């Protein structure tokens, strides 16, 4: 049941993201080839759509277009987007994707700019966030830069993966994670409230996206060798916290090693340190 709910939530979120882009493309009454190319390119670069086949993507676009055509008014559409995009990060992503499509022709029409302002208000995006997103798009950058995925959150997610490995949260492991936040210089600028937010976001992302996709996100976000070594080191600290690494926890460590491309001798050294 939990897996079915997670799959459903992922599909609804992705459909909402596509609808936001389609609305931007349709704002001035016509959808240009450049706008559709931008829509598809942005979908392909996002980890949220990892594993989506071309035929599934085509069906998603067609279904989203029909849903928009059948909507009674824009407020109904915006209400539906808010329901399917419950957290701020996904709402920022929806705005960024819509803005990328609106700016695909190098300039946005008055209708497209008006729609973006409506999106901004409906999704609760601040002026500073809008400026950052637009700046990244105009420079041809990835939306990941604008979304501001902090490295600390990605490191926290690595630890959460180990904590959730066997489906139960052990007190010793939870204590080790709290100690990591408190003692490691890596988290010196992270308040307890923000740390709890990182953990909550990581748990929610794992439930919604599933392990394979989250590993892909970690691989993209933790791009340097030193970052990957640090992430694996944090993971081993959690796995060893209860005194014995379980089979499920070792499986996560093996997956992290493969995802990060760490050598066996390097992993052996980190395991000993953990």
C-alpha atoms as a PDB file:
ATOM      1  CA  UNK A   1       0.000   0.000   0.000  1.00  0.00           C
ATOM      2  CA  UNK A   2       2.797   2.440   0.939  1.00  0.00           C
ATOM      3  CA  UNK A   3       4.596   1.746  -2.342  1.00  0.00           C
ATOM      4  CA  UNK A   4       1.384   2.302  -4.322  1.00  0.00           C
ATOM      5  CA  UNK A   5       0.819   5.615  -2.565  1.00  0.00           C
ATOM      6  CA  UNK A   6       4.406   6.685  -3.260  1.00  0.00           C
ATOM      7  CA  UNK A   7       4.086   5.801  -6.951  1.00  0.00           C
ATOM      8  CA  UNK A   8       0.802   7.708  -7.146  1.00  0.00           C
ATOM      9  CA  UNK A   9       2.301  10.783  -5.444  1.00  0.00           C
ATOM     10  CA  UNK A  10       5.260  10.738  -7.859  1.00  0.00           C
ATOM     11  CA  UNK A  11       2.987  10.507 -10.895  1.00  0.00           C
ATOM     12  CA  UNK A  12       0.769  13.326  -9.643  1.00  0.00           C
ATOM     13  CA  UNK A  13       3.771  15.543  -8.926  1.00  0.00           C
ATOM     14  CA  UNK A  14       5.283  14.917 -12.372  1.00  0.00           C
ATOM     15  CA  UNK A  15       1.951  15.580 -14.071  1.00  0.00           C
ATOM     16  CA  UNK A  16       1.694  18.884 -12.185  1.00  0.00           C
ATOM     17  CA  UNK A  17       5.200  19.880 -13.304  1.00  0.00           C
ATOM     18  CA  UNK A  18       4.344  19.123 -16.937  1.00  0.00           C
ATOM     19  CA  UNK A  19       1.071  21.066 -16.667  1.00  0.00           C
ATOM     20  CA  UNK A  20       2.926  24.106 -15.341  1.00  0.00           C
ATOM     21  CA  UNK A  21       5.211  24.010 -18.394  1.00  0.00           C
ATOM     22  CA  UNK A  22       2.319  23.501 -20.794  1.00  0.00           C
ATOM     23  CA  UNK A  23       0.467  26.461 -19.285  1.00  0.00           C
ATOM     24  CA  UNK A  24       3.519  28.632 -19.884  1.00  0.00           C
ATOM     25  CA  UNK A  25       3.803  27.390 -23.460  1.00  0.00           C
ATOM     26  CA  UNK A  26       0.095  28.043 -24.132  1.00  0.00           C
ATOM     27  CA  UNK A  27      -0.050  31.452 -22.411  1.00  0.00           C
ATOM     28  CA  UNK A  28       0.228  33.517 -25.591  1.00  0.00           C
ATOM     29  CA  UNK A  29      -2.200  31.350 -27.543  1.00  0.00           C
ATOM     30  CA  UNK A  30       0.325  29.318 -29.519  1.00  0.00           C
ATOM     31  CA  UNK A  31       2.918  26.674 -28.654  1.00  0.00           C
ATOM     32  CA  UNK A  32       6.167  27.087 -30.583  1.00  0.00           C
ATOM     33  CA  UNK A  33       8.483  24.260 -31.522  1.00  0.00           C
ATOM     34  CA  UNK A  34      11.203  25.860 -29.397  1.00  0.00           C
ATOM     35  CA  UNK A  35       8.923  25.836 -26.364  1.00  0.00           C
ATOM     36  CA  UNK A  36       8.131  22.132 -26.788  1.00  0.00           C
ATOM     37  CA  UNK A  37      11.823  21.338 -27.250  1.00  0.00           C
ATOM     38  CA  UNK A  38      12.590  23.244 -24.055  1.00  0.00           C
ATOM     39  CA  UNK A  39       9.833  21.403 -22.209  1.00  0.00           C
ATOM     40  CA  UNK A  40      11.217  18.014 -23.218  1.00  0.00           C
ATOM     41  CA  UNK A  41      14.834  19.028 -22.528  1.00  0.00           C
ATOM     42  CA  UNK A  42      13.990  20.271 -19.022  1.00  0.00           C
ATOM     43  CA  UNK A  43      12.086  17.062 -18.267  1.00  0.00           C
ATOM     44  CA  UNK A  44      15.012  14.916 -19.371  1.00  0.00           C
ATOM     45  CA  UNK A  45      17.498  16.786 -17.146  1.00  0.00           C
ATOM     46  CA  UNK A  46      15.419  16.465 -13.983  1.00  0.00           C
ATOM     47  CA  UNK A  47      15.884  13.481 -11.621  1.00  0.00           C
ATOM     48  CA  UNK A  48      12.144  13.601 -10.820  1.00  0.00           C
ATOM     49  CA  UNK A  49      11.507  12.050 -14.251  1.00  0.00           C
ATOM     50  CA  UNK A  50      14.321   9.492 -14.030  1.00  0.00           C
ATOM     51  CA  UNK A  51      13.243   6.206 -15.629  1.00  0.00           C
ATOM     52  CA  UNK A  52      10.319   7.688 -17.584  1.00  0.00           C
ATOM     53  CA  UNK A  53      10.159   6.100 -21.045  1.00  0.00           C
ATOM     54  CA  UNK A  54       9.551   8.210 -24.158  1.00  0.00           C
ATOM     55  CA  UNK A  55       6.091   6.731 -24.713  1.00  0.00           C
ATOM     56  CA  UNK A  56       5.215   7.415 -21.059  1.00  0.00           C
ATOM     57  CA  UNK A  57       6.394  10.995 -21.436  1.00  0.00           C
ATOM     58  CA  UNK A  58       4.333  11.505 -24.601  1.00  0.00           C
ATOM     59  CA  UNK A  59       1.263  10.131 -22.823  1.00  0.00           C
ATOM     60  CA  UNK A  60       1.931  12.378 -19.835  1.00  0.00           C
ATOM     61  CA  UNK A  61       2.094  15.478 -22.044  1.00  0.00           C
ATOM     62  CA  UNK A  62      -1.075  14.480 -23.917  1.00  0.00           C
ATOM     63  CA  UNK A  63      -2.978  13.723 -20.722  1.00  0.00           C
ATOM     64  CA  UNK A  64      -1.850  16.993 -19.152  1.00  0.00           C
ATOM     65  CA  UNK A  65      -2.969  18.949 -22.233  1.00  0.00           C
ATOM     66  CA  UNK A  66      -6.412  17.345 -22.027  1.00  0.00           C
ATOM     67  CA  UNK A  67      -6.669  18.099 -18.306  1.00  0.00           C
ATOM     68  CA  UNK A  68      -5.849  21.763 -18.922  1.00  0.00           C
ATOM     69  CA  UNK A  69      -8.341  21.984 -21.783  1.00  0.00           C
ATOM     70  CA  UNK A  70     -11.092  20.584 -19.573  1.00  0.00           C
ATOM     71  CA  UNK A  71     -10.356  22.863 -16.600  1.00  0.00           C
ATOM     72  CA  UNK A  72     -13.106  25.386 -15.857  1.00  0.00           C
ATOM     73  CA  UNK A  73     -10.759  28.238 -15.031  1.00  0.00           C
ATOM     74  CA  UNK A  74      -7.177  29.062 -14.112  1.00  0.00           C
ATOM     75  CA  UNK A  75      -7.902  29.122 -10.372  1.00  0.00           C
ATOM     76  CA  UNK A  76      -9.017  25.478 -10.533  1.00  0.00           C
ATOM     77  CA  UNK A  77      -5.751  24.617 -12.285  1.00  0.00           C
ATOM     78  CA  UNK A  78      -3.680  26.494  -9.704  1.00  0.00           C
ATOM     79  CA  UNK A  79      -5.567  24.845  -6.854  1.00  0.00           C
ATOM     80  CA  UNK A  80      -4.827  21.446  -8.372  1.00  0.00           C
ATOM     81  CA  UNK A  81      -1.139  22.329  -8.749  1.00  0.00           C
ATOM     82  CA  UNK A  82      -0.921  23.371  -5.086  1.00  0.00           C
ATOM     83  CA  UNK A  83      -2.521  20.108  -3.996  1.00  0.00           C
ATOM     84  CA  UNK A  84      -0.109  17.965  -6.021  1.00  0.00           C
ATOM     85  CA  UNK A  85       2.938  20.106  -5.144  1.00  0.00           C
ATOM     86  CA  UNK A  86       2.635  20.306  -1.344  1.00  0.00           C
ATOM     87  CA  UNK A  87       6.211  21.333  -0.507  1.00  0.00           C
ATOM     88  CA  UNK A  88       8.038  24.551  -1.369  1.00  0.00           C
ATOM     89  CA  UNK A  89      10.888  22.926  -3.260  1.00  0.00           C
ATOM     90  CA  UNK A  90       8.542  21.296  -5.786  1.00  0.00           C
ATOM     91  CA  UNK A  91       6.599  24.538  -6.150  1.00  0.00           C
ATOM     92  CA  UNK A  92       9.839  26.376  -6.878  1.00  0.00           C
ATOM     93  CA  UNK A  93      10.692  23.688  -9.419  1.00  0.00           C
ATOM     94  CA  UNK A  94       7.289  24.077 -11.103  1.00  0.00           C
ATOM     95  CA  UNK A  95       7.809  27.832 -11.351  1.00  0.00           C
ATOM     96  CA  UNK A  96      11.337  27.350 -12.696  1.00  0.00           C
ATOM     97  CA  UNK A  97      10.212  24.879 -15.351  1.00  0.00           C
ATOM     98  CA  UNK A  98       7.387  27.187 -16.402  1.00  0.00           C
ATOM     99  CA  UNK A  99       9.770  30.147 -16.577  1.00  0.00           C
ATOM    100  CA  UNK A 100      12.238  28.137 -18.675  1.00  0.00           C
ATOM    101  CA  UNK A 101       9.501  27.424 -21.216  1.00  0.00           C
ATOM    102  CA  UNK A 102       8.214  31.007 -21.190  1.00  0.00           C
ATOM    103  CA  UNK A 103      11.744  32.294 -21.866  1.00  0.00           C
ATOM    104  CA  UNK A 104      12.520  29.634 -24.493  1.00  0.00           C
ATOM    105  CA  UNK A 105      12.089  32.143 -27.336  1.00  0.00           C
ATOM    106  CA  UNK A 106      14.614  34.487 -25.654  1.00  0.00           C
ATOM    107  CA  UNK A 107      11.867  36.850 -24.591  1.00  0.00           C
ATOM    108  CA  UNK A 108       8.589  36.354 -22.763  1.00  0.00           C
ATOM    109  CA  UNK A 109       5.381  37.916 -24.061  1.00  0.00           C
ATOM    110  CA  UNK A 110       3.159  40.030 -21.831  1.00  0.00           C
ATOM    111  CA  UNK A 111       0.797  37.069 -21.463  1.00  0.00           C
ATOM    112  CA  UNK A 112       3.618  34.748 -20.431  1.00  0.00           C
ATOM    113  CA  UNK A 113       4.971  37.257 -17.906  1.00  0.00           C
ATOM    114  CA  UNK A 114       1.471  37.697 -16.521  1.00  0.00           C
ATOM    115  CA  UNK A 115       1.108  33.946 -16.089  1.00  0.00           C
ATOM    116  CA  UNK A 116       4.463  33.727 -14.317  1.00  0.00           C
ATOM    117  CA  UNK A 117       3.372  36.458 -11.878  1.00  0.00           C
ATOM    118  CA  UNK A 118       0.179  34.483 -11.253  1.00  0.00           C
ATOM    119  CA  UNK A 119       2.221  31.332 -10.685  1.00  0.00           C
ATOM    120  CA  UNK A 120       4.489  33.200  -8.307  1.00  0.00           C
ATOM    121  CA  UNK A 121       1.577  34.388  -6.183  1.00  0.00           C
ATOM    122  CA  UNK A 122      -0.281  31.068  -6.246  1.00  0.00           C
ATOM    123  CA  UNK A 123       2.774  28.958  -5.352  1.00  0.00           C
ATOM    124  CA  UNK A 124       4.243  31.328  -2.771  1.00  0.00           C
ATOM    125  CA  UNK A 125       7.541  32.058  -4.557  1.00  0.00           C
ATOM    126  CA  UNK A 126       9.414  35.088  -3.186  1.00  0.00           C
ATOM    127  CA  UNK A 127      10.830  37.908  -5.301  1.00  0.00           C
ATOM    128  CA  UNK A 128      14.377  36.840  -4.414  1.00  0.00           C
ATOM    129  CA  UNK A 129      13.653  33.268  -5.471  1.00  0.00           C
ATOM    130  CA  UNK A 130      12.130  34.468  -8.752  1.00  0.00           C
ATOM    131  CA  UNK A 131      15.195  36.619  -9.464  1.00  0.00           C
ATOM    132  CA  UNK A 132      17.523  33.707  -8.756  1.00  0.00           C
ATOM    133  CA  UNK A 133      15.568  31.319 -10.979  1.00  0.00           C
ATOM    134  CA  UNK A 134      15.346  33.774 -13.881  1.00  0.00           C
ATOM    135  CA  UNK A 135      19.059  34.563 -13.602  1.00  0.00           C
ATOM    136  CA  UNK A 136      20.001  30.874 -13.817  1.00  0.00           C
ATOM    137  CA  UNK A 137      17.683  30.304 -16.794  1.00  0.00           C
ATOM    138  CA  UNK A 138      19.001  33.331 -18.683  1.00  0.00           C
ATOM    139  CA  UNK A 139      22.560  32.087 -18.171  1.00  0.00           C
ATOM    140  CA  UNK A 140      21.631  28.645 -19.476  1.00  0.00           C
ATOM    141  CA  UNK A 141      22.225  26.942 -16.135  1.00  0.00           C
ATOM    142  CA  UNK A 142      20.571  23.968 -14.474  1.00  0.00           C
ATOM    143  CA  UNK A 143      17.572  24.553 -12.246  1.00  0.00           C
ATOM    144  CA  UNK A 144      19.389  22.623  -9.527  1.00  0.00           C
ATOM    145  CA  UNK A 145      21.505  25.764  -9.050  1.00  0.00           C
ATOM    146  CA  UNK A 146      18.406  27.871  -8.457  1.00  0.00           C
ATOM    147  CA  UNK A 147      16.707  25.347  -6.201  1.00  0.00           C
ATOM    148  CA  UNK A 148      19.647  25.583  -3.855  1.00  0.00           C
ATOM    149  CA  UNK A 149      19.990  21.932  -2.876  1.00  0.00           C
ATOM    150  CA  UNK A 150      22.356  22.358   0.088  1.00  0.00           C
ATOM    151  CA  UNK A 151      25.163  19.848   0.350  1.00  0.00           C
ATOM    152  CA  UNK A 152      24.288  19.417   4.021  1.00  0.00           C
ATOM    153  CA  UNK A 153      20.842  18.117   3.053  1.00  0.00           C
ATOM    154  CA  UNK A 154      22.340  15.590   0.656  1.00  0.00           C
ATOM    155  CA  UNK A 155      24.725  14.406   3.377  1.00  0.00           C
ATOM    156  CA  UNK A 156      21.762  14.117   5.741  1.00  0.00           C
ATOM    157  CA  UNK A 157      19.890  12.076   3.149  1.00  0.00           C
ATOM    158  CA  UNK A 158      22.750   9.577   2.918  1.00  0.00           C
ATOM    159  CA  UNK A 159      22.420   8.990   6.652  1.00  0.00           C
ATOM    160  CA  UNK A 160      18.638   8.714   6.409  1.00  0.00           C
ATOM    161  CA  UNK A 161      18.998   5.983   3.776  1.00  0.00           C
ATOM    162  CA  UNK A 162      20.963   3.900   6.274  1.00  0.00           C
ATOM    163  CA  UNK A 163      18.557   4.697   9.100  1.00  0.00           C
ATOM    164  CA  UNK A 164      15.619   3.536   6.977  1.00  0.00           C
ATOM    165  CA  UNK A 165      17.406   0.486   5.555  1.00  0.00           C
ATOM    166  CA  UNK A 166      15.683  -2.140   7.692  1.00  0.00           C
ATOM    167  CA  UNK A 167      12.411  -0.291   8.118  1.00  0.00           C
ATOM    168  CA  UNK A 168      12.930   0.665  11.752  1.00  0.00           C
ATOM    169  CA  UNK A 169      14.635   3.590  13.452  1.00  0.00           C
ATOM    170  CA  UNK A 170      17.117   2.406  16.086  1.00  0.00           C
ATOM    171  CA  UNK A 171      17.781   4.728  19.031  1.00  0.00           C
ATOM    172  CA  UNK A 172      21.568   4.329  18.736  1.00  0.00           C
ATOM    173  CA  UNK A 173      21.498   5.219  15.040  1.00  0.00           C
ATOM    174  CA  UNK A 174      19.277   8.236  15.616  1.00  0.00           C
ATOM    175  CA  UNK A 175      21.633   9.396  18.370  1.00  0.00           C
ATOM    176  CA  UNK A 176      24.632   8.970  16.055  1.00  0.00           C
ATOM    177  CA  UNK A 177      22.939  11.098  13.430  1.00  0.00           C
ATOM    178  CA  UNK A 178      22.179  13.852  15.937  1.00  0.00           C
ATOM    179  CA  UNK A 179      25.788  13.742  17.117  1.00  0.00           C
ATOM    180  CA  UNK A 180      26.991  14.031  13.526  1.00  0.00           C
ATOM    181  CA  UNK A 181      24.973  17.208  13.075  1.00  0.00           C
ATOM    182  CA  UNK A 182      26.223  18.626  16.369  1.00  0.00           C
ATOM    183  CA  UNK A 183      29.914  17.724  16.182  1.00  0.00           C
ATOM    184  CA  UNK A 184      30.900  17.632  12.531  1.00  0.00           C
ATOM    185  CA  UNK A 185      32.241  20.972  11.180  1.00  0.00           C
ATOM    186  CA  UNK A 186      30.324  20.145   8.016  1.00  0.00           C
ATOM    187  CA  UNK A 187      27.076  21.021   9.828  1.00  0.00           C
ATOM    188  CA  UNK A 188      28.349  23.960  11.882  1.00  0.00           C
ATOM    189  CA  UNK A 189      26.014  26.402  10.153  1.00  0.00           C
ATOM    190  CA  UNK A 190      22.975  24.122  10.374  1.00  0.00           C
ATOM    191  CA  UNK A 191      20.525  24.965  13.167  1.00  0.00           C
ATOM    192  CA  UNK A 192      18.638  22.137  14.950  1.00  0.00           C
ATOM    193  CA  UNK A 193      15.435  23.252  13.242  1.00  0.00           C
ATOM    194  CA  UNK A 194      17.033  23.192   9.805  1.00  0.00           C
ATOM    195  CA  UNK A 195      18.626  19.824  10.536  1.00  0.00           C
ATOM    196  CA  UNK A 196      15.211  18.417  11.406  1.00  0.00           C
ATOM    197  CA  UNK A 197      13.915  19.877   8.160  1.00  0.00           C
ATOM    198  CA  UNK A 198      16.668  18.125   6.222  1.00  0.00           C
ATOM    199  CA  UNK A 199      15.728  14.812   7.840  1.00  0.00           C
ATOM    200  CA  UNK A 200      11.995  15.287   7.183  1.00  0.00           C
ATOM    201  CA  UNK A 201      12.616  16.251   3.556  1.00  0.00           C
ATOM    202  CA  UNK A 202      14.884  13.238   3.065  1.00  0.00           C
ATOM    203  CA  UNK A 203      12.338  10.828   4.508  1.00  0.00           C
ATOM    204  CA  UNK A 204       9.581  12.326   2.335  1.00  0.00           C
ATOM    205  CA  UNK A 205      11.738  12.190  -0.804  1.00  0.00           C
ATOM    206  CA  UNK A 206      12.594   8.534  -0.185  1.00  0.00           C
ATOM    207  CA  UNK A 207       8.922   7.658   0.317  1.00  0.00           C
ATOM    208  CA  UNK A 208       7.815   9.529  -2.800  1.00  0.00           C
ATOM    209  CA  UNK A 209      10.629   8.769  -5.247  1.00  0.00           C
ATOM    210  CA  UNK A 210      12.017   5.445  -4.085  1.00  0.00           C
ATOM    211  CA  UNK A 211      15.596   4.379  -3.446  1.00  0.00           C
ATOM    212  CA  UNK A 212      16.907   4.078  -7.055  1.00  0.00           C
ATOM    213  CA  UNK A 213      15.889   7.622  -7.927  1.00  0.00           C
ATOM    214  CA  UNK A 214      17.252   9.085  -4.703  1.00  0.00           C
ATOM    215  CA  UNK A 215      20.605   7.416  -5.382  1.00  0.00           C
ATOM    216  CA  UNK A 216      20.632   9.132  -8.786  1.00  0.00           C
ATOM    217  CA  UNK A 217      19.939  12.474  -7.109  1.00  0.00           C
ATOM    218  CA  UNK A 218      22.796  11.899  -4.674  1.00  0.00           C
ATOM    219  CA  UNK A 219      25.120  10.951  -7.535  1.00  0.00           C
ATOM    220  CA  UNK A 220      24.293  14.214  -9.326  1.00  0.00           C
ATOM    221  CA  UNK A 221      24.453  16.399  -6.222  1.00  0.00           C
ATOM    222  CA  UNK A 222      27.590  14.929  -4.631  1.00  0.00           C
ATOM    223  CA  UNK A 223      29.781  15.288  -7.673  1.00  0.00           C
ATOM    224  CA  UNK A 224      33.326  15.478  -6.285  1.00  0.00           C
ATOM    225  CA  UNK A 225      35.311  12.577  -4.913  1.00  0.00           C
ATOM    226  CA  UNK A 226      35.838  14.254  -1.540  1.00  0.00           C
ATOM    227  CA  UNK A 227      32.089  14.845  -1.159  1.00  0.00           C
ATOM    228  CA  UNK A 228      31.362  11.210  -1.949  1.00  0.00           C
ATOM    229  CA  UNK A 229      33.982   9.962   0.491  1.00  0.00           C
ATOM    230  CA  UNK A 230      32.502  12.184   3.204  1.00  0.00           C
ATOM    231  CA  UNK A 231      28.990  10.929   2.438  1.00  0.00           C
ATOM    232  CA  UNK A 232      30.059   7.305   2.651  1.00  0.00           C
ATOM    233  CA  UNK A 233      31.916   8.006   5.897  1.00  0.00           C
ATOM    234  CA  UNK A 234      28.751   9.472   7.432  1.00  0.00           C
ATOM    235  CA  UNK A 235      26.775   6.447   6.232  1.00  0.00           C
ATOM    236  CA  UNK A 236      29.203   4.005   7.867  1.00  0.00           C
ATOM    237  CA  UNK A 237      29.019   5.946  11.141  1.00  0.00           C
ATOM    238  CA  UNK A 238      25.252   5.424  11.211  1.00  0.00           C
ATOM    239  CA  UNK A 239      25.519   1.768  10.170  1.00  0.00           C
ATOM    240  CA  UNK A 240      28.053   1.024  12.934  1.00  0.00           C
ATOM    241  CA  UNK A 241      26.200   3.012  15.608  1.00  0.00           C
ATOM    242  CA  UNK A 242      24.315   0.017  17.012  1.00  0.00           C
ATOM    243  CA  UNK A 243      27.473  -2.111  17.152  1.00  0.00           C
ATOM    244  CA  UNK A 244      26.674  -4.403  14.266  1.00  0.00           C
ATOM    245  CA  UNK A 245      25.838  -3.588  10.656  1.00  0.00           C
ATOM    246  CA  UNK A 246      22.671  -5.375   9.545  1.00  0.00           C
ATOM    247  CA  UNK A 247      22.272  -7.062   6.171  1.00  0.00           C
ATOM    248  CA  UNK A 248      19.900  -4.290   5.048  1.00  0.00           C
ATOM    249  CA  UNK A 249      22.334  -1.580   6.132  1.00  0.00           C
ATOM    250  CA  UNK A 250      25.230  -3.300   4.370  1.00  0.00           C
ATOM    251  CA  UNK A 251      23.137  -3.414   1.209  1.00  0.00           C
ATOM    252  CA  UNK A 252      22.721   0.364   1.379  1.00  0.00           C
ATOM    253  CA  UNK A 253      26.456   0.793   1.928  1.00  0.00           C
ATOM    254  CA  UNK A 254      27.150  -1.414  -1.102  1.00  0.00           C
ATOM    255  CA  UNK A 255      24.719   0.631  -3.206  1.00  0.00           C
ATOM    256  CA  UNK A 256      26.348   3.875  -2.059  1.00  0.00           C
ATOM    257  CA  UNK A 257      29.792   2.511  -2.925  1.00  0.00           C
ATOM    258  CA  UNK A 258      28.608   1.592  -6.424  1.00  0.00           C
ATOM    259  CA  UNK A 259      26.750   4.893  -6.881  1.00  0.00           C
ATOM    260  CA  UNK A 260      29.762   6.967  -5.807  1.00  0.00           C
ATOM    261  CA  UNK A 261      32.350   4.800  -7.611  1.00  0.00           C
ATOM    262  CA  UNK A 262      34.477   4.206  -4.512  1.00  0.00           C
ATOM    263  CA  UNK A 263      37.271   1.608  -4.638  1.00  0.00           C
ATOM    264  CA  UNK A 264      37.165  -1.458  -2.375  1.00  0.00           C
ATOM    265  CA  UNK A 265      40.344  -0.519  -0.490  1.00  0.00           C
ATOM    266  CA  UNK A 266      39.021   2.981   0.118  1.00  0.00           C
ATOM    267  CA  UNK A 267      35.724   1.596   1.418  1.00  0.00           C
ATOM    268  CA  UNK A 268      37.579  -0.859   3.683  1.00  0.00           C
ATOM    269  CA  UNK A 269      39.519   2.026   5.210  1.00  0.00           C
ATOM    270  CA  UNK A 270      36.352   4.069   5.756  1.00  0.00           C
ATOM    271  CA  UNK A 271      34.572   1.069   7.280  1.00  0.00           C
ATOM    272  CA  UNK A 272      37.412   0.695   9.798  1.00  0.00           C
ATOM    273  CA  UNK A 273      37.224   4.378  10.685  1.00  0.00           C
ATOM    274  CA  UNK A 274      33.450   4.165  11.097  1.00  0.00           C
END
